[in-house]
Structure formats: C-alpha cells, structure tokens
C-alpha cells in the first residue's frame, strides 16, 4: 500500500524526440511570436488608459455592431 516506486533505469526516454521537438517549437511560438503580440496589445491598451482585464470583451460587441473583426483594426 505504499506509494514507493523504484527509480527508473537511467536512459529510459520519457518523451519521444518528435514530442520534444514539438514542445520546443510550441515554446518558441509562445515566447517569440505570441508573447510580443500580447505585450504590444497590452501596451497599446495601457497607452489609451485601459488596463482592465476585460477590455477586449467590452470592445467585442462594438466590433460586432460594425461587423468588424479585431484583425481589421490593424
């Protein structure tokens, strides 16, 4: 009834090389692509004085009224 598990053998792969590559690509995408985009959007909102967490949710109905998409504003 103990939770003890013997240590794994040294060199036992816990992830495949393809899985590791996919995770590295996702990490790169998040840090090098998405993070700068989010930072830019937050900076622009802050420059306009809007620091609320739901700023996009408040803006969204106005975009729907004019049948615009967020990417149309850029």
PDB file of N, CA and C in Angstrom:
ATOM      1  N   UNK A   1       0.808  -1.191   0.000  1.00  0.00           N
ATOM      2  CA  UNK A   1       0.000   0.000   0.000  1.00  0.00           C
ATOM      3  C   UNK A   1       0.849   1.252   0.000  1.00  0.00           C
ATOM      4  N   UNK A   2       2.090   1.098  -0.145  1.00  0.00           N
ATOM      5  CA  UNK A   2       2.972   2.251  -0.155  1.00  0.00           C
ATOM      6  C   UNK A   2       3.003   2.869  -1.550  1.00  0.00           C
ATOM      7  N   UNK A   3       3.346   4.117  -1.621  1.00  0.00           N
ATOM      8  CA  UNK A   3       3.442   4.802  -2.908  1.00  0.00           C
ATOM      9  C   UNK A   3       4.843   4.734  -3.482  1.00  0.00           C
ATOM     10  N   UNK A   4       5.687   4.014  -2.844  1.00  0.00           N
ATOM     11  CA  UNK A   4       7.074   3.921  -3.293  1.00  0.00           C
ATOM     12  C   UNK A   4       7.133   3.292  -4.672  1.00  0.00           C
ATOM     13  N   UNK A   5       7.911   3.897  -5.535  1.00  0.00           N
ATOM     14  CA  UNK A   5       8.202   3.329  -6.847  1.00  0.00           C
ATOM     15  C   UNK A   5       9.706   3.262  -6.985  1.00  0.00           C
ATOM     16  N   UNK A   6      10.200   2.163  -7.457  1.00  0.00           N
ATOM     17  CA  UNK A   6      11.646   2.101  -7.649  1.00  0.00           C
ATOM     18  C   UNK A   6      12.064   3.074  -8.744  1.00  0.00           C
ATOM     19  N   UNK A   7      13.270   3.601  -8.671  1.00  0.00           N
ATOM     20  CA  UNK A   7      13.726   4.547  -9.694  1.00  0.00           C
ATOM     21  C   UNK A   7      13.775   3.887 -11.065  1.00  0.00           C
ATOM     22  N   UNK A   8      13.522   4.675 -12.088  1.00  0.00           N
ATOM     23  CA  UNK A   8      13.592   4.164 -13.465  1.00  0.00           C
ATOM     24  C   UNK A   8      15.038   3.922 -13.847  1.00  0.00           C
ATOM     25  N   UNK A   9      15.179   3.113 -14.852  1.00  0.00           N
ATOM     26  CA  UNK A   9      16.516   2.877 -15.381  1.00  0.00           C
ATOM     27  C   UNK A   9      17.049   4.164 -15.989  1.00  0.00           C
ATOM     28  N   UNK A  10      18.318   4.361 -15.862  1.00  0.00           N
ATOM     29  CA  UNK A  10      18.937   5.535 -16.485  1.00  0.00           C
ATOM     30  C   UNK A  10      18.810   5.403 -17.995  1.00  0.00           C
ATOM     31  N   UNK A  11      18.469   6.484 -18.641  1.00  0.00           N
ATOM     32  CA  UNK A  11      18.366   6.476 -20.097  1.00  0.00           C
ATOM     33  C   UNK A  11      17.004   6.081 -20.619  1.00  0.00           C
ATOM     34  N   UNK A  12      16.053   5.804 -19.746  1.00  0.00           N
ATOM     35  CA  UNK A  12      14.715   5.478 -20.207  1.00  0.00           C
ATOM     36  C   UNK A  12      14.068   6.760 -20.713  1.00  0.00           C
ATOM     37  N   UNK A  13      13.720   6.809 -21.993  1.00  0.00           N
ATOM     38  CA  UNK A  13      13.134   8.053 -22.512  1.00  0.00           C
ATOM     39  C   UNK A  13      11.722   8.265 -21.969  1.00  0.00           C
ATOM     40  N   UNK A  14      11.466   9.462 -21.514  1.00  0.00           N
ATOM     41  CA  UNK A  14      10.141   9.818 -21.020  1.00  0.00           C
ATOM     42  C   UNK A  14       9.335  10.546 -22.086  1.00  0.00           C
ATOM     43  N   UNK A  15       9.994  10.945 -23.161  1.00  0.00           N
ATOM     44  CA  UNK A  15       9.332  11.628 -24.262  1.00  0.00           C
ATOM     45  C   UNK A  15      10.083  11.273 -25.538  1.00  0.00           C
ATOM     46  N   UNK A  16       9.346  11.187 -26.626  1.00  0.00           N
ATOM     47  CA  UNK A  16       9.986  10.854 -27.898  1.00  0.00           C
ATOM     48  C   UNK A  16      10.713  12.074 -28.442  1.00  0.00           C
ATOM     49  N   UNK A  17      11.676  11.869 -29.313  1.00  0.00           N
ATOM     50  CA  UNK A  17      12.349  13.023 -29.927  1.00  0.00           C
ATOM     51  C   UNK A  17      11.367  13.934 -30.674  1.00  0.00           C
ATOM     52  N   UNK A  18      10.363  13.336 -31.322  1.00  0.00           N
ATOM     53  CA  UNK A  18       9.362  14.146 -32.029  1.00  0.00           C
ATOM     54  C   UNK A  18       8.539  14.973 -31.043  1.00  0.00           C
ATOM     55  N   UNK A  19       8.182  14.367 -29.912  1.00  0.00           N
ATOM     56  CA  UNK A  19       7.425  15.100 -28.897  1.00  0.00           C
ATOM     57  C   UNK A  19       8.238  16.238 -28.310  1.00  0.00           C
ATOM     58  N   UNK A  20       9.521  15.993 -28.080  1.00  0.00           N
ATOM     59  CA  UNK A  20      10.395  17.045 -27.549  1.00  0.00           C
ATOM     60  C   UNK A  20      10.528  18.180 -28.554  1.00  0.00           C
ATOM     61  N   UNK A  21      10.677  17.841 -29.839  1.00  0.00           N
ATOM     62  CA  UNK A  21      10.791  18.869 -30.877  1.00  0.00           C
ATOM     63  C   UNK A  21       9.505  19.695 -30.955  1.00  0.00           C
ATOM     64  N   UNK A  22       8.355  19.021 -30.881  1.00  0.00           N
ATOM     65  CA  UNK A  22       7.079  19.728 -30.937  1.00  0.00           C
ATOM     66  C   UNK A  22       6.930  20.677 -29.749  1.00  0.00           C
ATOM     67  N   UNK A  23       7.346  20.239 -28.563  1.00  0.00           N
ATOM     68  CA  UNK A  23       7.271  21.109 -27.387  1.00  0.00           C
ATOM     69  C   UNK A  23       8.215  22.300 -27.506  1.00  0.00           C
ATOM     70  N   UNK A  24       9.416  22.073 -28.067  1.00  0.00           N
ATOM     71  CA  UNK A  24      10.345  23.191 -28.269  1.00  0.00           C
ATOM     72  C   UNK A  24       9.776  24.187 -29.281  1.00  0.00           C
ATOM     73  N   UNK A  25       9.127  23.677 -30.338  1.00  0.00           N
ATOM     74  CA  UNK A  25       8.507  24.565 -31.327  1.00  0.00           C
ATOM     75  C   UNK A  25       7.371  25.367 -30.700  1.00  0.00           C
ATOM     76  N   UNK A  26       6.569  24.710 -29.865  1.00  0.00           N
ATOM     77  CA  UNK A  26       5.476  25.414 -29.198  1.00  0.00           C
ATOM     78  C   UNK A  26       6.019  26.481 -28.251  1.00  0.00           C
ATOM     79  N   UNK A  27       7.076  26.147 -27.519  1.00  0.00           N
ATOM     80  CA  UNK A  27       7.699  27.118 -26.624  1.00  0.00           C
ATOM     81  C   UNK A  27       8.218  28.315 -27.410  1.00  0.00           C
ATOM     82  N   UNK A  28       8.862  28.052 -28.528  1.00  0.00           N
ATOM     83  CA  UNK A  28       9.364  29.141 -29.374  1.00  0.00           C
ATOM     84  C   UNK A  28       8.207  29.998 -29.871  1.00  0.00           C
ATOM     85  N   UNK A  29       7.127  29.376 -30.338  1.00  0.00           N
ATOM     86  CA  UNK A  29       5.956  30.106 -30.825  1.00  0.00           C
ATOM     87  C   UNK A  29       5.390  31.010 -29.729  1.00  0.00           C
ATOM     88  N   UNK A  30       5.263  30.464 -28.524  1.00  0.00           N
ATOM     89  CA  UNK A  30       4.682  31.244 -27.431  1.00  0.00           C
ATOM     90  C   UNK A  30       5.574  32.409 -27.020  1.00  0.00           C
ATOM     91  N   UNK A  31       6.882  32.173 -26.916  1.00  0.00           N
ATOM     92  CA  UNK A  31       7.784  33.219 -26.438  1.00  0.00           C
ATOM     93  C   UNK A  31       8.187  34.207 -27.515  1.00  0.00           C
ATOM     94  N   UNK A  32       8.408  33.751 -28.724  1.00  0.00           N
ATOM     95  CA  UNK A  32       8.942  34.620 -29.767  1.00  0.00           C
ATOM     96  C   UNK A  32       7.864  35.254 -30.639  1.00  0.00           C
ATOM     97  N   UNK A  33       6.667  34.665 -30.680  1.00  0.00           N
ATOM     98  CA  UNK A  33       5.616  35.192 -31.557  1.00  0.00           C
ATOM     99  C   UNK A  33       4.447  35.738 -30.741  1.00  0.00           C
ATOM    100  N   UNK A  34       3.806  34.877 -29.959  1.00  0.00           N
ATOM    101  CA  UNK A  34       2.604  35.285 -29.246  1.00  0.00           C
ATOM    102  C   UNK A  34       2.882  36.300 -28.132  1.00  0.00           C
ATOM    103  N   UNK A  35       3.939  36.098 -27.359  1.00  0.00           N
ATOM    104  CA  UNK A  35       4.226  37.000 -26.234  1.00  0.00           C
ATOM    105  C   UNK A  35       4.440  38.437 -26.706  1.00  0.00           C
ATOM    106  N   UNK A  36       5.239  38.664 -27.748  1.00  0.00           N
ATOM    107  CA  UNK A  36       5.372  40.050 -28.220  1.00  0.00           C
ATOM    108  C   UNK A  36       4.046  40.644 -28.700  1.00  0.00           C
ATOM    109  N   UNK A  37       3.190  39.823 -29.318  1.00  0.00           N
ATOM    110  CA  UNK A  37       1.892  40.323 -29.769  1.00  0.00           C
ATOM    111  C   UNK A  37       1.028  40.738 -28.581  1.00  0.00           C
ATOM    112  N   UNK A  38       0.997  39.899 -27.566  1.00  0.00           N
ATOM    113  CA  UNK A  38       0.198  40.209 -26.379  1.00  0.00           C
ATOM    114  C   UNK A  38       0.762  41.430 -25.667  1.00  0.00           C
ATOM    115  N   UNK A  39       2.074  41.497 -25.569  1.00  0.00           N
ATOM    116  CA  UNK A  39       2.715  42.646 -24.929  1.00  0.00           C
ATOM    117  C   UNK A  39       2.386  43.929 -25.672  1.00  0.00           C
ATOM    118  N   UNK A  40       2.409  43.876 -26.988  1.00  0.00           N
ATOM    119  CA  UNK A  40       2.080  45.047 -27.801  1.00  0.00           C
ATOM    120  C   UNK A  40       0.629  45.467 -27.580  1.00  0.00           C
ATOM    121  N   UNK A  41      -0.287  44.489 -27.560  1.00  0.00           N
ATOM    122  CA  UNK A  41      -1.702  44.806 -27.358  1.00  0.00           C
ATOM    123  C   UNK A  41      -1.931  45.427 -25.982  1.00  0.00           C
ATOM    124  N   UNK A  42      -1.275  44.889 -24.967  1.00  0.00           N
ATOM    125  CA  UNK A  42      -1.421  45.438 -23.617  1.00  0.00           C
ATOM    126  C   UNK A  42      -0.823  46.841 -23.551  1.00  0.00           C
ATOM    127  N   UNK A  43       0.300  47.045 -24.213  1.00  0.00           N
ATOM    128  CA  UNK A  43       0.931  48.371 -24.223  1.00  0.00           C
ATOM    129  C   UNK A  43       0.038  49.400 -24.897  1.00  0.00           C
ATOM    130  N   UNK A  44      -0.576  49.005 -26.012  1.00  0.00           N
ATOM    131  CA  UNK A  44      -1.471  49.927 -26.718  1.00  0.00           C
ATOM    132  C   UNK A  44      -2.683  50.263 -25.854  1.00  0.00           C
ATOM    133  N   UNK A  45      -3.247  49.250 -25.192  1.00  0.00           N
ATOM    134  CA  UNK A  45      -4.399  49.493 -24.320  1.00  0.00           C
ATOM    135  C   UNK A  45      -4.001  50.388 -23.149  1.00  0.00           C
ATOM    136  N   UNK A  46      -2.822  50.153 -22.591  1.00  0.00           N
ATOM    137  CA  UNK A  46      -2.360  50.968 -21.468  1.00  0.00           C
ATOM    138  C   UNK A  46      -2.117  52.406 -21.906  1.00  0.00           C
ATOM    139  N   UNK A  47      -1.632  52.586 -23.125  1.00  0.00           N
ATOM    140  CA  UNK A  47      -1.398  53.938 -23.630  1.00  0.00           C
ATOM    141  C   UNK A  47      -2.709  54.711 -23.756  1.00  0.00           C
ATOM    142  N   UNK A  48      -3.792  53.979 -23.985  1.00  0.00           N
ATOM    143  CA  UNK A  48      -5.105  54.608 -24.079  1.00  0.00           C
ATOM    144  C   UNK A  48      -5.790  54.693 -22.716  1.00  0.00           C
ATOM    145  N   UNK A  49      -5.089  54.243 -21.686  1.00  0.00           N
ATOM    146  CA  UNK A  49      -5.631  54.321 -20.341  1.00  0.00           C
ATOM    147  C   UNK A  49      -6.495  53.139 -19.950  1.00  0.00           C
ATOM    148  N   UNK A  50      -6.543  52.100 -20.762  1.00  0.00           N
ATOM    149  CA  UNK A  50      -7.385  50.940 -20.479  1.00  0.00           C
ATOM    150  C   UNK A  50      -6.525  49.801 -19.960  1.00  0.00           C
ATOM    151  N   UNK A  51      -6.611  49.546 -18.680  1.00  0.00           N
ATOM    152  CA  UNK A  51      -5.840  48.454 -18.077  1.00  0.00           C
ATOM    153  C   UNK A  51      -6.760  47.382 -17.496  1.00  0.00           C
ATOM    154  N   UNK A  52      -8.035  47.407 -17.837  1.00  0.00           N
ATOM    155  CA  UNK A  52      -8.958  46.416 -17.286  1.00  0.00           C
ATOM    156  C   UNK A  52      -8.726  45.056 -17.931  1.00  0.00           C
ATOM    157  N   UNK A  53      -9.057  44.012 -17.187  1.00  0.00           N
ATOM    158  CA  UNK A  53      -8.839  42.661 -17.693  1.00  0.00           C
ATOM    159  C   UNK A  53      -9.821  42.300 -18.793  1.00  0.00           C
ATOM    160  N   UNK A  54     -10.971  42.928 -18.827  1.00  0.00           N
ATOM    161  CA  UNK A  54     -11.985  42.559 -19.796  1.00  0.00           C
ATOM    162  C   UNK A  54     -12.126  43.590 -20.912  1.00  0.00           C
ATOM    163  N   UNK A  55     -11.067  44.285 -21.215  1.00  0.00           N
ATOM    164  CA  UNK A  55     -11.133  45.336 -22.233  1.00  0.00           C
ATOM    165  C   UNK A  55     -11.572  44.780 -23.579  1.00  0.00           C
ATOM    166  N   UNK A  56     -11.049  43.623 -23.965  1.00  0.00           N
ATOM    167  CA  UNK A  56     -11.434  43.031 -25.247  1.00  0.00           C
ATOM    168  C   UNK A  56     -12.899  42.615 -25.235  1.00  0.00           C
ATOM    169  N   UNK A  57     -13.387  42.098 -24.118  1.00  0.00           N
ATOM    170  CA  UNK A  57     -14.780  41.678 -24.031  1.00  0.00           C
ATOM    171  C   UNK A  57     -15.709  42.879 -24.137  1.00  0.00           C
ATOM    172  N   UNK A  58     -15.300  44.004 -23.604  1.00  0.00           N
ATOM    173  CA  UNK A  58     -16.109  45.213 -23.692  1.00  0.00           C
ATOM    174  C   UNK A  58     -16.095  45.752 -25.117  1.00  0.00           C
ATOM    175  N   UNK A  59     -14.955  45.650 -25.779  1.00  0.00           N
ATOM    176  CA  UNK A  59     -14.829  46.168 -27.136  1.00  0.00           C
ATOM    177  C   UNK A  59     -15.521  45.268 -28.159  1.00  0.00           C
ATOM    178  N   UNK A  60     -15.611  43.967 -27.884  1.00  0.00           N
ATOM    179  CA  UNK A  60     -16.134  42.998 -28.845  1.00  0.00           C
ATOM    180  C   UNK A  60     -17.548  43.315 -29.351  1.00  0.00           C
ATOM    181  N   UNK A  61     -18.530  43.653 -28.499  1.00  0.00           N
ATOM    182  CA  UNK A  61     -19.865  43.962 -29.030  1.00  0.00           C
ATOM    183  C   UNK A  61     -19.847  45.137 -30.009  1.00  0.00           C
ATOM    184  N   UNK A  62     -18.985  46.104 -29.786  1.00  0.00           N
ATOM    185  CA  UNK A  62     -18.895  47.235 -30.702  1.00  0.00           C
ATOM    186  C   UNK A  62     -18.356  46.785 -32.050  1.00  0.00           C
ATOM    187  N   UNK A  63     -17.413  45.867 -32.041  1.00  0.00           N
ATOM    188  CA  UNK A  63     -16.872  45.350 -33.295  1.00  0.00           C
ATOM    189  C   UNK A  63     -17.932  44.555 -34.041  1.00  0.00           C
ATOM    190  N   UNK A  64     -18.762  43.806 -33.316  1.00  0.00           N
ATOM    191  CA  UNK A  64     -19.818  43.033 -33.959  1.00  0.00           C
ATOM    192  C   UNK A  64     -20.869  43.964 -34.556  1.00  0.00           C
ATOM    193  N   UNK A  65     -21.142  45.064 -33.899  1.00  0.00           N
ATOM    194  CA  UNK A  65     -22.123  46.017 -34.405  1.00  0.00           C
ATOM    195  C   UNK A  65     -21.702  46.536 -35.771  1.00  0.00           C
ATOM    196  N   UNK A  66     -20.451  46.834 -35.922  1.00  0.00           N
ATOM    197  CA  UNK A  66     -19.947  47.338 -37.187  1.00  0.00           C
ATOM    198  C   UNK A  66     -19.478  46.220 -38.104  1.00  0.00           C
ATOM    199  N   UNK A  67     -19.697  44.966 -37.682  1.00  0.00           N
ATOM    200  CA  UNK A  67     -19.301  43.795 -38.454  1.00  0.00           C
ATOM    201  C   UNK A  67     -17.806  43.809 -38.748  1.00  0.00           C
ATOM    202  N   UNK A  68     -17.030  44.174 -37.766  1.00  0.00           N
ATOM    203  CA  UNK A  68     -15.578  44.191 -37.897  1.00  0.00           C
ATOM    204  C   UNK A  68     -14.984  43.047 -37.105  1.00  0.00           C
ATOM    205  N   UNK A  69     -13.830  42.645 -37.506  1.00  0.00           N
ATOM    206  CA  UNK A  69     -13.060  41.651 -36.775  1.00  0.00           C
ATOM    207  C   UNK A  69     -11.893  42.373 -36.118  1.00  0.00           C
ATOM    208  N   UNK A  70     -11.393  41.850 -34.990  1.00  0.00           N
ATOM    209  CA  UNK A  70     -10.266  42.515 -34.332  1.00  0.00           C
ATOM    210  C   UNK A  70      -9.072  42.720 -35.254  1.00  0.00           C
ATOM    211  N   UNK A  71      -8.820  41.779 -36.163  1.00  0.00           N
ATOM    212  CA  UNK A  71      -7.661  41.937 -37.047  1.00  0.00           C
ATOM    213  C   UNK A  71      -7.894  43.016 -38.108  1.00  0.00           C
ATOM    214  N   UNK A  72      -9.152  43.439 -38.324  1.00  0.00           N
ATOM    215  CA  UNK A  72      -9.434  44.511 -39.280  1.00  0.00           C
ATOM    216  C   UNK A  72      -8.984  45.869 -38.760  1.00  0.00           C
ATOM    217  N   UNK A  73      -8.756  45.970 -37.463  1.00  0.00           N
ATOM    218  CA  UNK A  73      -8.392  47.250 -36.877  1.00  0.00           C
ATOM    219  C   UNK A  73      -6.926  47.590 -37.051  1.00  0.00           C
ATOM    220  N   UNK A  74      -6.132  46.622 -37.442  1.00  0.00           N
ATOM    221  CA  UNK A  74      -4.692  46.863 -37.556  1.00  0.00           C
ATOM    222  C   UNK A  74      -4.331  47.420 -38.903  1.00  0.00           C
TER     223      UNK A  74
END
